[in-house]
Amino acid sequence: MLAMAKSVSRPMFVYDVLGMIPPPTDNDGEDVQQRYNEIVGGNSKGIKGKSYYGYEDDLYGKVVDWFHISQST
């Protein structure tokens, strides 16, 4: 949405690790611990049953491609 809302002539910098989520700490609840174990174990479902984004190959490349496509339309 941000890429489509800004002028094509203005640069946009977005930062994310685009990788696996960091492990929970001892301060996180049991629900967070369980969710993390589900994700790193490869058993998590994404939104509406689709593949969890963290399991995508070359997620960084897909995000970059999406921004290029969005700016050209």
Protein backbone atom coordinates (compact mmCIF):
# COMPACT_ATOMS: atom_id res chain seq x y z
CA MET A 1 0.00 0.00 0.00
CA LEU A 2 2.79 2.39 0.86
CA ALA A 3 4.59 1.72 -2.42
CA MET A 4 1.44 2.51 -4.37
CA ALA A 5 0.69 5.68 -2.38
CA LYS A 6 4.06 7.37 -2.81
CA SER A 7 5.43 9.11 -5.87
CA VAL A 8 7.55 6.87 -8.11
CA SER A 9 10.25 9.56 -8.14
CA ARG A 10 10.72 9.36 -4.36
CA PRO A 11 12.85 6.57 -2.88
CA MET A 12 11.35 4.21 -0.35
CA PHE A 13 13.34 2.27 2.21
CA VAL A 14 11.78 -0.64 4.08
CA TYR A 15 13.60 -2.75 6.65
CA ASP A 16 12.74 -6.23 7.85
CA VAL A 17 14.67 -9.40 8.45
CA LEU A 18 12.34 -11.31 6.11
CA GLY A 19 13.25 -14.48 7.86
CA MET A 20 12.13 -16.62 10.74
CA ILE A 21 10.70 -14.84 13.73
CA PRO A 22 13.03 -14.46 16.71
CA PRO A 23 12.61 -16.91 19.57
CA PRO A 24 10.46 -15.87 22.53
CA THR A 25 12.02 -14.92 25.82
CA ASP A 26 11.32 -16.19 29.31
CA ASN A 27 9.04 -13.16 29.71
CA ASP A 28 6.69 -14.44 26.99
CA GLY A 29 3.71 -16.57 27.94
CA GLU A 30 3.18 -20.25 27.25
CA ASP A 31 0.93 -19.40 24.29
CA VAL A 32 3.79 -17.53 22.63
CA GLN A 33 6.19 -20.39 23.32
CA GLN A 34 3.76 -22.89 21.77
CA ARG A 35 3.14 -20.70 18.71
CA TYR A 36 6.88 -20.28 18.15
CA ASN A 37 7.43 -24.05 18.37
CA GLU A 38 4.62 -24.60 15.87
CA ILE A 39 6.17 -22.12 13.44
CA VAL A 40 9.78 -23.34 13.64
CA GLY A 41 8.57 -26.94 13.52
CA GLY A 42 7.07 -26.29 10.08
CA ASN A 43 3.50 -26.90 11.25
CA SER A 44 2.02 -23.41 11.04
CA LYS A 45 -0.73 -22.46 8.63
CA GLY A 46 -0.91 -19.00 7.15
CA ILE A 47 -3.91 -16.74 6.73
CA LYS A 48 -6.94 -18.59 5.38
CA GLY A 49 -4.99 -21.86 5.40
CA LYS A 50 -2.38 -20.65 2.93
CA SER A 51 1.30 -21.34 3.45
CA TYR A 52 2.86 -19.42 6.33
CA TYR A 53 4.95 -16.57 4.87
CA GLY A 54 7.98 -17.55 6.94
CA TYR A 55 8.26 -20.77 4.92
CA GLU A 56 8.50 -18.98 1.57
CA ASP A 57 11.68 -19.38 -0.45
CA ASP A 58 13.34 -16.05 -1.29
CA LEU A 59 10.80 -13.98 0.61
CA TYR A 60 13.02 -10.92 0.20
CA GLY A 61 12.96 -11.29 -3.59
CA LYS A 62 9.20 -11.67 -3.61
CA VAL A 63 8.74 -8.49 -1.58
CA VAL A 64 11.11 -6.56 -3.84
CA ASP A 65 9.28 -7.84 -6.93
CA TRP A 66 5.93 -6.83 -5.43
CA PHE A 67 7.19 -3.28 -4.86
CA HIS A 68 8.44 -3.06 -8.46
CA ILE A 69 5.13 -4.32 -9.81
CA SER A 70 3.15 -1.95 -7.58
CA GLN A 71 5.10 1.09 -8.71
CA SER A 72 4.68 0.31 -12.41
CA THR A 73 0.88 0.12 -12.25
